C-alpha cells in the first residue's frame, strides 16, 4: 500500500525536481553568460523616464496596511469555506455548528471594522 502511494506521487516529485532545477539554472546561466558592461546610467534607478527625486523608501500610511490585513482575512475565510463546503455531508451537524460559529465571529468582526470606519477611503 505504501509503495503504491510513492508511485502515485512520483510524477509530482519529478515535476517539483525539474522546477527547482530550472529555477536554479536559469539565474546562474544568466549571471555567468549575460553581458557585463555596467555604466553609471545603467546603474541609476529608473523612474518612468524621470529623474528620481528624494528617498526611494518612503513611509506608507497605516490605512494601506489595514486594508492589506483585511484582504488577507477575507482570503483566509474563503480558504476555510471551500474545504468545509466540499466535505459538508461528512461533517454533519457538528461541522455546520462549527462553521456557523466561525462565520458569526467573522461577521461580528466585519461589522466592528465597518463601524470603526476602517473601510473608509479618503
PDB file of N, CA and C in Angstrom:
ATOM      1  N   UNK A   1       0.824  -1.203   0.000  1.00  0.00           N
ATOM      2  CA  UNK A   1       0.000   0.000   0.000  1.00  0.00           C
ATOM      3  C   UNK A   1       0.860   1.255   0.000  1.00  0.00           C
ATOM      4  N   UNK A   2       1.862   1.287   0.882  1.00  0.00           N
ATOM      5  CA  UNK A   2       2.724   2.464   0.944  1.00  0.00           C
ATOM      6  C   UNK A   2       3.512   2.633  -0.341  1.00  0.00           C
ATOM      7  N   UNK A   3       3.887   1.519  -0.951  1.00  0.00           N
ATOM      8  CA  UNK A   3       4.628   1.570  -2.199  1.00  0.00           C
ATOM      9  C   UNK A   3       3.777   2.186  -3.305  1.00  0.00           C
ATOM     10  N   UNK A   4       2.467   1.923  -3.293  1.00  0.00           N
ATOM     11  CA  UNK A   4       1.559   2.483  -4.293  1.00  0.00           C
ATOM     12  C   UNK A   4       1.447   3.995  -4.126  1.00  0.00           C
ATOM     13  N   UNK A   5       1.434   4.466  -2.898  1.00  0.00           N
ATOM     14  CA  UNK A   5       1.372   5.904  -2.648  1.00  0.00           C
ATOM     15  C   UNK A   5       2.615   6.585  -3.202  1.00  0.00           C
ATOM     16  N   UNK A   6       3.776   5.970  -2.999  1.00  0.00           N
ATOM     17  CA  UNK A   6       5.006   6.539  -3.539  1.00  0.00           C
ATOM     18  C   UNK A   6       4.966   6.582  -5.058  1.00  0.00           C
ATOM     19  N   UNK A   7       4.435   5.546  -5.681  1.00  0.00           N
ATOM     20  CA  UNK A   7       4.327   5.515  -7.145  1.00  0.00           C
ATOM     21  C   UNK A   7       3.355   6.582  -7.624  1.00  0.00           C
ATOM     22  N   UNK A   8       2.286   6.817  -6.892  1.00  0.00           N
ATOM     23  CA  UNK A   8       1.307   7.833  -7.284  1.00  0.00           C
ATOM     24  C   UNK A   8       1.897   9.237  -7.239  1.00  0.00           C
ATOM     25  N   UNK A   9       2.763   9.502  -6.284  1.00  0.00           N
ATOM     26  CA  UNK A   9       3.343  10.832  -6.136  1.00  0.00           C
ATOM     27  C   UNK A   9       4.648  11.016  -6.898  1.00  0.00           C
ATOM     28  N   UNK A  10       5.122   9.998  -7.577  1.00  0.00           N
ATOM     29  CA  UNK A  10       6.376  10.095  -8.328  1.00  0.00           C
ATOM     30  C   UNK A  10       6.331  11.169  -9.413  1.00  0.00           C
ATOM     31  N   UNK A  11       5.273  11.278 -10.234  1.00  0.00           N
ATOM     32  CA  UNK A  11       5.246  12.359 -11.235  1.00  0.00           C
ATOM     33  C   UNK A  11       5.300  13.751 -10.602  1.00  0.00           C
ATOM     34  N   UNK A  12       4.650  13.919  -9.460  1.00  0.00           N
ATOM     35  CA  UNK A  12       4.689  15.208  -8.768  1.00  0.00           C
ATOM     36  C   UNK A  12       6.095  15.519  -8.276  1.00  0.00           C
ATOM     37  N   UNK A  13       6.784  14.518  -7.755  1.00  0.00           N
ATOM     38  CA  UNK A  13       8.157  14.713  -7.284  1.00  0.00           C
ATOM     39  C   UNK A  13       9.088  15.046  -8.444  1.00  0.00           C
ATOM     40  N   UNK A  14       8.901  14.375  -9.583  1.00  0.00           N
ATOM     41  CA  UNK A  14       9.734  14.670 -10.763  1.00  0.00           C
ATOM     42  C   UNK A  14       9.473  16.094 -11.241  1.00  0.00           C
ATOM     43  N   UNK A  15       8.211  16.495 -11.288  1.00  0.00           N
ATOM     44  CA  UNK A  15       7.870  17.859 -11.703  1.00  0.00           C
ATOM     45  C   UNK A  15       8.470  18.894 -10.761  1.00  0.00           C
ATOM     46  N   UNK A  16       8.412  18.640  -9.470  1.00  0.00           N
ATOM     47  CA  UNK A  16       8.991  19.551  -8.491  1.00  0.00           C
ATOM     48  C   UNK A  16      10.503  19.638  -8.655  1.00  0.00           C
ATOM     49  N   UNK A  17      11.139  18.510  -8.895  1.00  0.00           N
ATOM     50  CA  UNK A  17      12.588  18.488  -9.106  1.00  0.00           C
ATOM     51  C   UNK A  17      12.966  19.280 -10.358  1.00  0.00           C
ATOM     52  N   UNK A  18      12.224  19.099 -11.440  1.00  0.00           N
ATOM     53  CA  UNK A  18      12.500  19.853 -12.667  1.00  0.00           C
ATOM     54  C   UNK A  18      12.320  21.353 -12.432  1.00  0.00           C
ATOM     55  N   UNK A  19      11.278  21.740 -11.710  1.00  0.00           N
ATOM     56  CA  UNK A  19      11.027  23.156 -11.428  1.00  0.00           C
ATOM     57  C   UNK A  19      12.157  23.762 -10.606  1.00  0.00           C
ATOM     58  N   UNK A  20      12.645  23.037  -9.607  1.00  0.00           N
ATOM     59  CA  UNK A  20      13.744  23.547  -8.784  1.00  0.00           C
ATOM     60  C   UNK A  20      15.028  23.664  -9.607  1.00  0.00           C
ATOM     61  N   UNK A  21      15.294  22.682 -10.432  1.00  0.00           N
ATOM     62  CA  UNK A  21      16.499  22.729 -11.260  1.00  0.00           C
ATOM     63  C   UNK A  21      16.444  23.911 -12.218  1.00  0.00           C
ATOM     64  N   UNK A  22      15.313  24.119 -12.863  1.00  0.00           N
ATOM     65  CA  UNK A  22      15.185  25.259 -13.786  1.00  0.00           C
ATOM     66  C   UNK A  22      15.295  26.581 -13.030  1.00  0.00           C
ATOM     67  N   UNK A  23      14.695  26.654 -11.836  1.00  0.00           N
ATOM     68  CA  UNK A  23      14.743  27.888 -11.053  1.00  0.00           C
ATOM     69  C   UNK A  23      16.158  28.222 -10.610  1.00  0.00           C
ATOM     70  N   UNK A  24      17.018  27.227 -10.486  1.00  0.00           N
ATOM     71  CA  UNK A  24      18.406  27.478 -10.097  1.00  0.00           C
ATOM     72  C   UNK A  24      19.282  27.718 -11.321  1.00  0.00           C
ATOM     73  N   UNK A  25      19.093  26.941 -12.363  1.00  0.00           N
ATOM     74  CA  UNK A  25      19.985  27.008 -13.531  1.00  0.00           C
ATOM     75  C   UNK A  25      19.809  28.308 -14.310  1.00  0.00           C
ATOM     76  N   UNK A  26      18.591  28.764 -14.528  1.00  0.00           N
ATOM     77  CA  UNK A  26      18.378  29.951 -15.362  1.00  0.00           C
ATOM     78  C   UNK A  26      19.044  31.191 -14.770  1.00  0.00           C
ATOM     79  N   UNK A  27      18.875  31.517 -13.494  1.00  0.00           N
ATOM     80  CA  UNK A  27      19.583  32.694 -12.971  1.00  0.00           C
ATOM     81  C   UNK A  27      21.109  32.533 -12.993  1.00  0.00           C
ATOM     82  N   UNK A  28      21.604  31.329 -12.706  1.00  0.00           N
ATOM     83  CA  UNK A  28      23.057  31.106 -12.729  1.00  0.00           C
ATOM     84  C   UNK A  28      23.595  31.305 -14.138  1.00  0.00           C
ATOM     85  N   UNK A  29      22.919  30.749 -15.138  1.00  0.00           N
ATOM     86  CA  UNK A  29      23.358  30.944 -16.522  1.00  0.00           C
ATOM     87  C   UNK A  29      23.263  32.405 -16.935  1.00  0.00           C
ATOM     88  N   UNK A  30      22.231  33.080 -16.505  1.00  0.00           N
ATOM     89  CA  UNK A  30      22.070  34.486 -16.840  1.00  0.00           C
ATOM     90  C   UNK A  30      23.206  35.324 -16.267  1.00  0.00           C
ATOM     91  N   UNK A  31      23.577  35.051 -15.031  1.00  0.00           N
ATOM     92  CA  UNK A  31      24.673  35.805 -14.416  1.00  0.00           C
ATOM     93  C   UNK A  31      26.014  35.503 -15.071  1.00  0.00           C
ATOM     94  N   UNK A  32      26.230  34.258 -15.447  1.00  0.00           N
ATOM     95  CA  UNK A  32      27.530  33.873 -15.998  1.00  0.00           C
ATOM     96  C   UNK A  32      27.666  34.148 -17.490  1.00  0.00           C
ATOM     97  N   UNK A  33      26.590  34.058 -18.247  1.00  0.00           N
ATOM     98  CA  UNK A  33      26.686  34.207 -19.689  1.00  0.00           C
ATOM     99  C   UNK A  33      26.222  35.565 -20.206  1.00  0.00           C
ATOM    100  N   UNK A  34      25.532  36.324 -19.376  1.00  0.00           N
ATOM    101  CA  UNK A  34      24.998  37.610 -19.816  1.00  0.00           C
ATOM    102  C   UNK A  34      26.084  38.670 -19.945  1.00  0.00           C
ATOM    103  N   UNK A  35      25.774  39.747 -20.718  1.00  0.00           N
ATOM    104  CA  UNK A  35      26.757  40.825 -20.878  1.00  0.00           C
ATOM    105  C   UNK A  35      26.962  41.582 -19.563  1.00  0.00           C
ATOM    106  N   UNK A  36      28.206  42.021 -19.376  1.00  0.00           N
ATOM    107  CA  UNK A  36      28.546  42.758 -18.156  1.00  0.00           C
ATOM    108  C   UNK A  36      29.279  44.037 -18.547  1.00  0.00           C
ATOM    109  N   UNK A  37      28.528  45.059 -18.836  1.00  0.00           N
ATOM    110  CA  UNK A  37      29.114  46.360 -19.130  1.00  0.00           C
ATOM    111  C   UNK A  37      28.367  47.443 -18.340  1.00  0.00           C
ATOM    112  N   UNK A  38      28.556  47.463 -17.025  1.00  0.00           N
ATOM    113  CA  UNK A  38      27.816  48.451 -16.228  1.00  0.00           C
ATOM    114  C   UNK A  38      28.337  49.866 -16.467  1.00  0.00           C
ATOM    115  N   UNK A  39      27.422  50.799 -16.586  1.00  0.00           N
ATOM    116  CA  UNK A  39      27.754  52.220 -16.676  1.00  0.00           C
ATOM    117  C   UNK A  39      26.948  52.949 -15.604  1.00  0.00           C
ATOM    118  N   UNK A  40      27.287  54.194 -15.389  1.00  0.00           N
ATOM    119  CA  UNK A  40      26.561  54.970 -14.379  1.00  0.00           C
ATOM    120  C   UNK A  40      25.098  55.108 -14.766  1.00  0.00           C
ATOM    121  N   UNK A  41      24.832  55.266 -16.047  1.00  0.00           N
ATOM    122  CA  UNK A  41      23.448  55.420 -16.498  1.00  0.00           C
ATOM    123  C   UNK A  41      22.657  54.123 -16.312  1.00  0.00           C
ATOM    124  N   UNK A  42      23.306  52.985 -16.558  1.00  0.00           N
ATOM    125  CA  UNK A  42      22.619  51.711 -16.392  1.00  0.00           C
ATOM    126  C   UNK A  42      22.369  51.398 -14.915  1.00  0.00           C
ATOM    127  N   UNK A  43      23.225  51.865 -14.046  1.00  0.00           N
ATOM    128  CA  UNK A  43      23.083  51.588 -12.621  1.00  0.00           C
ATOM    129  C   UNK A  43      22.112  52.539 -11.913  1.00  0.00           C
ATOM    130  N   UNK A  44      21.711  53.621 -12.575  1.00  0.00           N
ATOM    131  CA  UNK A  44      20.797  54.594 -11.974  1.00  0.00           C
ATOM    132  C   UNK A  44      19.387  53.996 -11.890  1.00  0.00           C
ATOM    133  N   UNK A  45      18.636  54.339 -10.845  1.00  0.00           N
ATOM    134  CA  UNK A  45      17.265  53.828 -10.745  1.00  0.00           C
ATOM    135  C   UNK A  45      16.383  54.423 -11.841  1.00  0.00           C
ATOM    136  N   UNK A  46      15.477  53.633 -12.361  1.00  0.00           N
ATOM    137  CA  UNK A  46      14.596  54.077 -13.435  1.00  0.00           C
ATOM    138  C   UNK A  46      13.247  54.437 -12.849  1.00  0.00           C
ATOM    139  N   UNK A  47      12.819  55.658 -13.082  1.00  0.00           N
ATOM    140  CA  UNK A  47      11.550  56.145 -12.567  1.00  0.00           C
ATOM    141  C   UNK A  47      10.693  56.661 -13.723  1.00  0.00           C
ATOM    142  N   UNK A  48      10.313  55.797 -14.613  1.00  0.00           N
ATOM    143  CA  UNK A  48       9.443  56.138 -15.742  1.00  0.00           C
ATOM    144  C   UNK A  48      10.029  57.262 -16.590  1.00  0.00           C
ATOM    145  N   UNK A  49      11.321  57.275 -16.744  1.00  0.00           N
ATOM    146  CA  UNK A  49      11.975  58.264 -17.583  1.00  0.00           C
ATOM    147  C   UNK A  49      12.232  59.589 -16.892  1.00  0.00           C
ATOM    148  N   UNK A  50      11.857  59.715 -15.616  1.00  0.00           N
ATOM    149  CA  UNK A  50      12.047  60.966 -14.891  1.00  0.00           C
ATOM    150  C   UNK A  50      13.207  60.820 -13.916  1.00  0.00           C
ATOM    151  N   UNK A  51      13.873  61.901 -13.639  1.00  0.00           N
ATOM    152  CA  UNK A  51      14.963  61.895 -12.677  1.00  0.00           C
ATOM    153  C   UNK A  51      14.398  61.658 -11.279  1.00  0.00           C
ATOM    154  N   UNK A  52      14.933  60.656 -10.558  1.00  0.00           N
ATOM    155  CA  UNK A  52      14.408  60.386  -9.215  1.00  0.00           C
ATOM    156  C   UNK A  52      14.661  61.560  -8.265  1.00  0.00           C
ATOM    157  N   UNK A  53      13.657  61.866  -7.456  1.00  0.00           N
ATOM    158  CA  UNK A  53      13.752  62.966  -6.501  1.00  0.00           C
ATOM    159  C   UNK A  53      13.480  62.406  -5.118  1.00  0.00           C
ATOM    160  N   UNK A  54      14.346  62.674  -4.170  1.00  0.00           N
ATOM    161  CA  UNK A  54      14.132  62.255  -2.792  1.00  0.00           C
ATOM    162  C   UNK A  54      14.533  60.818  -2.551  1.00  0.00           C
ATOM    163  N   UNK A  55      14.115  60.322  -1.394  1.00  0.00           N
ATOM    164  CA  UNK A  55      14.459  58.972  -0.975  1.00  0.00           C
ATOM    165  C   UNK A  55      13.620  57.939  -1.725  1.00  0.00           C
ATOM    166  N   UNK A  56      14.199  56.788  -1.938  1.00  0.00           N
ATOM    167  CA  UNK A  56      13.462  55.711  -2.578  1.00  0.00           C
ATOM    168  C   UNK A  56      12.485  55.065  -1.597  1.00  0.00           C
ATOM    169  N   UNK A  57      12.836  55.054  -0.329  1.00  0.00           N
ATOM    170  CA  UNK A  57      11.975  54.471   0.696  1.00  0.00           C
ATOM    171  C   UNK A  57      11.182  55.584   1.364  1.00  0.00           C
ATOM    172  N   UNK A  58       9.863  55.476   1.282  1.00  0.00           N
ATOM    173  CA  UNK A  58       9.027  56.450   1.978  1.00  0.00           C
ATOM    174  C   UNK A  58       7.995  55.708   2.802  1.00  0.00           C
ATOM    175  N   UNK A  59       7.457  56.381   3.772  1.00  0.00           N
ATOM    176  CA  UNK A  59       6.507  55.745   4.673  1.00  0.00           C
ATOM    177  C   UNK A  59       5.120  55.726   4.039  1.00  0.00           C
ATOM    178  N   UNK A  60       4.453  54.584   4.153  1.00  0.00           N
ATOM    179  CA  UNK A  60       3.089  54.461   3.679  1.00  0.00           C
ATOM    180  C   UNK A  60       2.138  54.720   4.839  1.00  0.00           C
ATOM    181  N   UNK A  61       1.001  55.313   4.553  1.00  0.00           N
ATOM    182  CA  UNK A  61       0.016  55.486   5.620  1.00  0.00           C
ATOM    183  C   UNK A  61      -0.462  54.129   6.148  1.00  0.00           C
ATOM    184  N   UNK A  62      -0.900  54.117   7.387  1.00  0.00           N
ATOM    185  CA  UNK A  62      -1.322  52.884   8.045  1.00  0.00           C
ATOM    186  C   UNK A  62      -2.534  52.284   7.344  1.00  0.00           C
ATOM    187  N   UNK A  63      -3.346  53.105   6.680  1.00  0.00           N
ATOM    188  CA  UNK A  63      -4.566  52.572   6.066  1.00  0.00           C
ATOM    189  C   UNK A  63      -4.253  51.517   5.002  1.00  0.00           C
ATOM    190  N   UNK A  64      -3.110  51.605   4.338  1.00  0.00           N
ATOM    191  CA  UNK A  64      -2.735  50.591   3.354  1.00  0.00           C
ATOM    192  C   UNK A  64      -2.521  49.243   4.044  1.00  0.00           C
ATOM    193  N   UNK A  65      -1.882  49.258   5.187  1.00  0.00           N
ATOM    194  CA  UNK A  65      -1.632  48.016   5.919  1.00  0.00           C
ATOM    195  C   UNK A  65      -2.926  47.426   6.469  1.00  0.00           C
ATOM    196  N   UNK A  66      -3.823  48.286   6.940  1.00  0.00           N
ATOM    197  CA  UNK A  66      -5.100  47.789   7.453  1.00  0.00           C
ATOM    198  C   UNK A  66      -5.903  47.116   6.357  1.00  0.00           C
ATOM    199  N   UNK A  67      -5.952  47.737   5.189  1.00  0.00           N
ATOM    200  CA  UNK A  67      -6.681  47.140   4.069  1.00  0.00           C
ATOM    201  C   UNK A  67      -6.025  45.827   3.661  1.00  0.00           C
ATOM    202  N   UNK A  68      -4.694  45.760   3.669  1.00  0.00           N
ATOM    203  CA  UNK A  68      -3.996  44.527   3.301  1.00  0.00           C
ATOM    204  C   UNK A  68      -4.315  43.408   4.291  1.00  0.00           C
ATOM    205  N   UNK A  69      -4.349  43.723   5.569  1.00  0.00           N
ATOM    206  CA  UNK A  69      -4.668  42.712   6.584  1.00  0.00           C
ATOM    207  C   UNK A  69      -6.113  42.240   6.420  1.00  0.00           C
ATOM    208  N   UNK A  70      -7.031  43.166   6.147  1.00  0.00           N
ATOM    209  CA  UNK A  70      -8.420  42.767   5.935  1.00  0.00           C
ATOM    210  C   UNK A  70      -8.558  41.881   4.699  1.00  0.00           C
ATOM    211  N   UNK A  71      -7.812  42.186   3.656  1.00  0.00           N
ATOM    212  CA  UNK A  71      -7.832  41.359   2.454  1.00  0.00           C
ATOM    213  C   UNK A  71      -7.358  39.947   2.777  1.00  0.00           C
ATOM    214  N   UNK A  72      -6.305  39.836   3.561  1.00  0.00           N
ATOM    215  CA  UNK A  72      -5.798  38.513   3.943  1.00  0.00           C
ATOM    216  C   UNK A  72      -6.835  37.772   4.785  1.00  0.00           C
ATOM    217  N   UNK A  73      -7.521  38.476   5.680  1.00  0.00           N
ATOM    218  CA  UNK A  73      -8.552  37.834   6.493  1.00  0.00           C
ATOM    219  C   UNK A  73      -9.702  37.310   5.633  1.00  0.00           C
ATOM    220  N   UNK A  74     -10.112  38.087   4.623  1.00  0.00           N
ATOM    221  CA  UNK A  74     -11.159  37.608   3.721  1.00  0.00           C
ATOM    222  C   UNK A  74     -10.682  36.395   2.941  1.00  0.00           C
ATOM    223  N   UNK A  75      -9.420  36.394   2.528  1.00  0.00           N
ATOM    224  CA  UNK A  75      -8.872  35.234   1.822  1.00  0.00           C
ATOM    225  C   UNK A  75      -8.867  33.996   2.713  1.00  0.00           C
ATOM    226  N   UNK A  76      -8.482  34.167   3.967  1.00  0.00           N
ATOM    227  CA  UNK A  76      -8.467  33.032   4.890  1.00  0.00           C
ATOM    228  C   UNK A  76      -9.883  32.509   5.086  1.00  0.00           C
ATOM    229  N   UNK A  77     -10.846  33.403   5.154  1.00  0.00           N
ATOM    230  CA  UNK A  77     -12.236  32.990   5.296  1.00  0.00           C
ATOM    231  C   UNK A  77     -12.665  32.130   4.112  1.00  0.00           C
ATOM    232  N   UNK A  78     -12.362  32.557   2.918  1.00  0.00           N
ATOM    233  CA  UNK A  78     -12.734  31.788   1.727  1.00  0.00           C
ATOM    234  C   UNK A  78     -11.970  30.469   1.678  1.00  0.00           C
ATOM    235  N   UNK A  79     -10.690  30.505   2.030  1.00  0.00           N
ATOM    236  CA  UNK A  79      -9.884  29.276   2.016  1.00  0.00           C
ATOM    237  C   UNK A  79     -10.446  28.252   2.999  1.00  0.00           C
ATOM    238  N   UNK A  80     -11.006  28.688   4.102  1.00  0.00           N
ATOM    239  CA  UNK A  80     -11.591  27.760   5.067  1.00  0.00           C
ATOM    240  C   UNK A  80     -12.992  27.318   4.656  1.00  0.00           C
ATOM    241  N   UNK A  81     -13.696  28.130   3.877  1.00  0.00           N
ATOM    242  CA  UNK A  81     -15.042  27.758   3.459  1.00  0.00           C
ATOM    243  C   UNK A  81     -15.048  26.680   2.381  1.00  0.00           C
ATOM    244  N   UNK A  82     -14.091  26.694   1.484  1.00  0.00           N
ATOM    245  CA  UNK A  82     -14.100  25.748   0.365  1.00  0.00           C
ATOM    246  C   UNK A  82     -13.968  24.305   0.835  1.00  0.00           C
ATOM    247  N   UNK A  83     -12.964  23.937   1.651  1.00  0.00           N
ATOM    248  CA  UNK A  83     -12.918  22.538   2.089  1.00  0.00           C
ATOM    249  C   UNK A  83     -14.111  22.146   2.952  1.00  0.00           C
ATOM    250  N   UNK A  84     -14.630  23.097   3.711  1.00  0.00           N
ATOM    251  CA  UNK A  84     -15.810  22.796   4.512  1.00  0.00           C
ATOM    252  C   UNK A  84     -16.995  22.474   3.606  1.00  0.00           C
ATOM    253  N   UNK A  85     -17.170  23.244   2.537  1.00  0.00           N
ATOM    254  CA  UNK A  85     -18.280  23.003   1.617  1.00  0.00           C
ATOM    255  C   UNK A  85     -18.126  21.662   0.904  1.00  0.00           C
ATOM    256  N   UNK A  86     -16.897  21.288   0.590  1.00  0.00           N
ATOM    257  CA  UNK A  86     -16.662  20.017  -0.100  1.00  0.00           C
ATOM    258  C   UNK A  86     -17.004  18.840   0.813  1.00  0.00           C
ATOM    259  N   UNK A  87     -16.659  18.933   2.074  1.00  0.00           N
ATOM    260  CA  UNK A  87     -16.895  17.814   2.993  1.00  0.00           C
ATOM    261  C   UNK A  87     -18.084  18.074   3.918  1.00  0.00           C
ATOM    262  N   UNK A  88     -19.035  18.880   3.470  1.00  0.00           N
ATOM    263  CA  UNK A  88     -20.170  19.266   4.311  1.00  0.00           C
ATOM    264  C   UNK A  88     -20.983  18.061   4.764  1.00  0.00           C
ATOM    265  N   UNK A  89     -21.284  17.131   3.859  1.00  0.00           N
ATOM    266  CA  UNK A  89     -22.122  15.981   4.218  1.00  0.00           C
ATOM    267  C   UNK A  89     -21.452  15.061   5.229  1.00  0.00           C
ATOM    268  N   UNK A  90     -20.130  14.895   5.131  1.00  0.00           N
ATOM    269  CA  UNK A  90     -19.437  14.005   6.066  1.00  0.00           C
ATOM    270  C   UNK A  90     -19.330  14.618   7.457  1.00  0.00           C
ATOM    271  N   UNK A  91     -19.314  15.955   7.542  1.00  0.00           N
ATOM    272  CA  UNK A  91     -19.140  16.614   8.841  1.00  0.00           C
ATOM    273  C   UNK A  91     -20.409  16.587   9.681  1.00  0.00           C
ATOM    274  N   UNK A  92     -21.553  16.584   9.050  1.00  0.00           N
ATOM    275  CA  UNK A  92     -22.819  16.527   9.776  1.00  0.00           C
ATOM    276  C   UNK A  92     -23.125  17.819  10.516  1.00  0.00           C
ATOM    277  N   UNK A  93     -23.910  17.679  11.591  1.00  0.00           N
ATOM    278  CA  UNK A  93     -24.330  18.857  12.350  1.00  0.00           C
ATOM    279  C   UNK A  93     -23.168  19.524  13.086  1.00  0.00           C
ATOM    280  N   UNK A  94     -22.208  18.734  13.498  1.00  0.00           N
ATOM    281  CA  UNK A  94     -21.049  19.308  14.183  1.00  0.00           C
ATOM    282  C   UNK A  94     -20.317  20.287  13.258  1.00  0.00           C
ATOM    283  N   UNK A  95     -20.107  19.891  12.017  1.00  0.00           N
ATOM    284  CA  UNK A  95     -19.450  20.773  11.048  1.00  0.00           C
ATOM    285  C   UNK A  95     -20.269  22.011  10.759  1.00  0.00           C
ATOM    286  N   UNK A  96     -21.586  21.855  10.692  1.00  0.00           N
ATOM    287  CA  UNK A  96     -22.459  23.001  10.444  1.00  0.00           C
ATOM    288  C   UNK A  96     -22.391  23.989  11.597  1.00  0.00           C
ATOM    289  N   UNK A  97     -22.473  23.487  12.822  1.00  0.00           N
ATOM    290  CA  UNK A  97     -22.432  24.369  14.001  1.00  0.00           C
ATOM    291  C   UNK A  97     -21.069  25.056  14.106  1.00  0.00           C
ATOM    292  N   UNK A  98     -19.997  24.306  13.856  1.00  0.00           N
ATOM    293  CA  UNK A  98     -18.659  24.898  13.924  1.00  0.00           C
ATOM    294  C   UNK A  98     -18.502  26.011  12.900  1.00  0.00           C
ATOM    295  N   UNK A  99     -19.007  25.799  11.685  1.00  0.00           N
ATOM    296  CA  UNK A  99     -18.889  26.837  10.657  1.00  0.00           C
ATOM    297  C   UNK A  99     -19.795  28.021  10.960  1.00  0.00           C
ATOM    298  N   UNK A 100     -20.969  27.772  11.529  1.00  0.00           N
ATOM    299  CA  UNK A 100     -21.841  28.883  11.907  1.00  0.00           C
ATOM    300  C   UNK A 100     -21.189  29.746  12.985  1.00  0.00           C
ATOM    301  N   UNK A 101     -20.529  29.119  13.945  1.00  0.00           N
ATOM    302  CA  UNK A 101     -19.818  29.885  14.981  1.00  0.00           C
ATOM    303  C   UNK A 101     -18.677  30.684  14.349  1.00  0.00           C
ATOM    304  N   UNK A 102     -17.920  30.038  13.450  1.00  0.00           N
ATOM    305  CA  UNK A 102     -16.819  30.729  12.772  1.00  0.00           C
ATOM    306  C   UNK A 102     -17.335  31.919  11.977  1.00  0.00           C
ATOM    307  N   UNK A 103     -18.414  31.711  11.218  1.00  0.00           N
ATOM    308  CA  UNK A 103     -18.961  32.800  10.404  1.00  0.00           C
ATOM    309  C   UNK A 103     -19.541  33.909  11.281  1.00  0.00           C
ATOM    310  N   UNK A 104     -20.143  33.544  12.433  1.00  0.00           N
ATOM    311  CA  UNK A 104     -20.683  34.568  13.335  1.00  0.00           C
ATOM    312  C   UNK A 104     -19.556  35.449  13.863  1.00  0.00           C
ATOM    313  N   UNK A 105     -18.461  34.823  14.281  1.00  0.00           N
ATOM    314  CA  UNK A 105     -17.314  35.608  14.767  1.00  0.00           C
ATOM    315  C   UNK A 105     -16.766  36.483  13.648  1.00  0.00           C
ATOM    316  N   UNK A 106     -16.675  35.933  12.458  1.00  0.00           N
ATOM    317  CA  UNK A 106     -16.149  36.687  11.319  1.00  0.00           C
ATOM    318  C   UNK A 106     -17.064  37.865  10.974  1.00  0.00           C
ATOM    319  N   UNK A 107     -18.382  37.653  10.979  1.00  0.00           N
ATOM    320  CA  UNK A 107     -19.329  38.728  10.647  1.00  0.00           C
ATOM    321  C   UNK A 107     -19.320  39.790  11.737  1.00  0.00           C
ATOM    322  N   UNK A 108     -19.229  39.397  12.998  1.00  0.00           N
ATOM    323  CA  UNK A 108     -19.128  40.387  14.085  1.00  0.00           C
ATOM    324  C   UNK A 108     -17.877  41.239  13.893  1.00  0.00           C
ATOM    325  N   UNK A 109     -16.770  40.614  13.517  1.00  0.00           N
ATOM    326  CA  UNK A 109     -15.547  41.368  13.240  1.00  0.00           C
ATOM    327  C   UNK A 109     -15.708  42.305  12.058  1.00  0.00           C
ATOM    328  N   UNK A 110     -16.416  41.863  11.014  1.00  0.00           N
ATOM    329  CA  UNK A 110     -16.656  42.731   9.860  1.00  0.00           C
ATOM    330  C   UNK A 110     -17.500  43.939  10.235  1.00  0.00           C
ATOM    331  N   UNK A 111     -18.532  43.708  11.039  1.00  0.00           N
ATOM    332  CA  UNK A 111     -19.383  44.824  11.477  1.00  0.00           C
ATOM    333  C   UNK A 111     -18.575  45.803  12.328  1.00  0.00           C
ATOM    334  N   UNK A 112     -17.723  45.281  13.201  1.00  0.00           N
ATOM    335  CA  UNK A 112     -16.882  46.150  14.029  1.00  0.00           C
ATOM    336  C   UNK A 112     -15.954  47.007  13.163  1.00  0.00           C
ATOM    337  N   UNK A 113     -15.330  46.370  12.149  1.00  0.00           N
ATOM    338  CA  UNK A 113     -14.432  47.102  11.243  1.00  0.00           C
ATOM    339  C   UNK A 113     -15.209  48.175  10.500  1.00  0.00           C
ATOM    340  N   UNK A 114     -16.406  47.852  10.063  1.00  0.00           N
ATOM    341  CA  UNK A 114     -17.232  48.802   9.321  1.00  0.00           C
ATOM    342  C   UNK A 114     -17.629  49.980  10.217  1.00  0.00           C
ATOM    343  N   UNK A 115     -18.037  49.688  11.461  1.00  0.00           N
ATOM    344  CA  UNK A 115     -18.445  50.746  12.391  1.00  0.00           C
ATOM    345  C   UNK A 115     -17.262  51.639  12.797  1.00  0.00           C
ATOM    346  N   UNK A 116     -16.063  51.063  12.886  1.00  0.00           N
ATOM    347  CA  UNK A 116     -14.878  51.860  13.230  1.00  0.00           C
ATOM    348  C   UNK A 116     -14.466  52.779  12.089  1.00  0.00           C
ATOM    349  N   UNK A 117     -14.958  52.520  10.876  1.00  0.00           N
ATOM    350  CA  UNK A 117     -14.619  53.355   9.735  1.00  0.00           C
ATOM    351  C   UNK A 117     -13.317  52.977   9.067  1.00  0.00           C
ATOM    352  N   UNK A 118     -12.840  51.775   9.314  1.00  0.00           N
ATOM    353  CA  UNK A 118     -11.568  51.347   8.719  1.00  0.00           C
ATOM    354  C   UNK A 118     -11.707  51.181   7.219  1.00  0.00           C
ATOM    355  N   UNK A 119     -12.899  50.851   6.739  1.00  0.00           N
ATOM    356  CA  UNK A 119     -13.101  50.668   5.313  1.00  0.00           C
ATOM    357  C   UNK A 119     -13.280  51.987   4.546  1.00  0.00           C
ATOM    358  N   UNK A 120     -13.361  53.083   5.279  1.00  0.00           N
ATOM    359  CA  UNK A 120     -13.492  54.403   4.629  1.00  0.00           C
ATOM    360  C   UNK A 120     -12.186  54.768   3.941  1.00  0.00           C
ATOM    361  N   UNK A 121     -12.277  55.205   2.711  1.00  0.00           N
ATOM    362  CA  UNK A 121     -11.089  55.612   1.949  1.00  0.00           C
ATOM    363  C   UNK A 121     -11.240  57.083   1.609  1.00  0.00           C
ATOM    364  N   UNK A 122     -10.326  57.883   2.103  1.00  0.00           N
ATOM    365  CA  UNK A 122     -10.434  59.340   1.926  1.00  0.00           C
ATOM    366  C   UNK A 122      -9.583  59.815   0.776  1.00  0.00           C
TER     367      UNK A 122
END
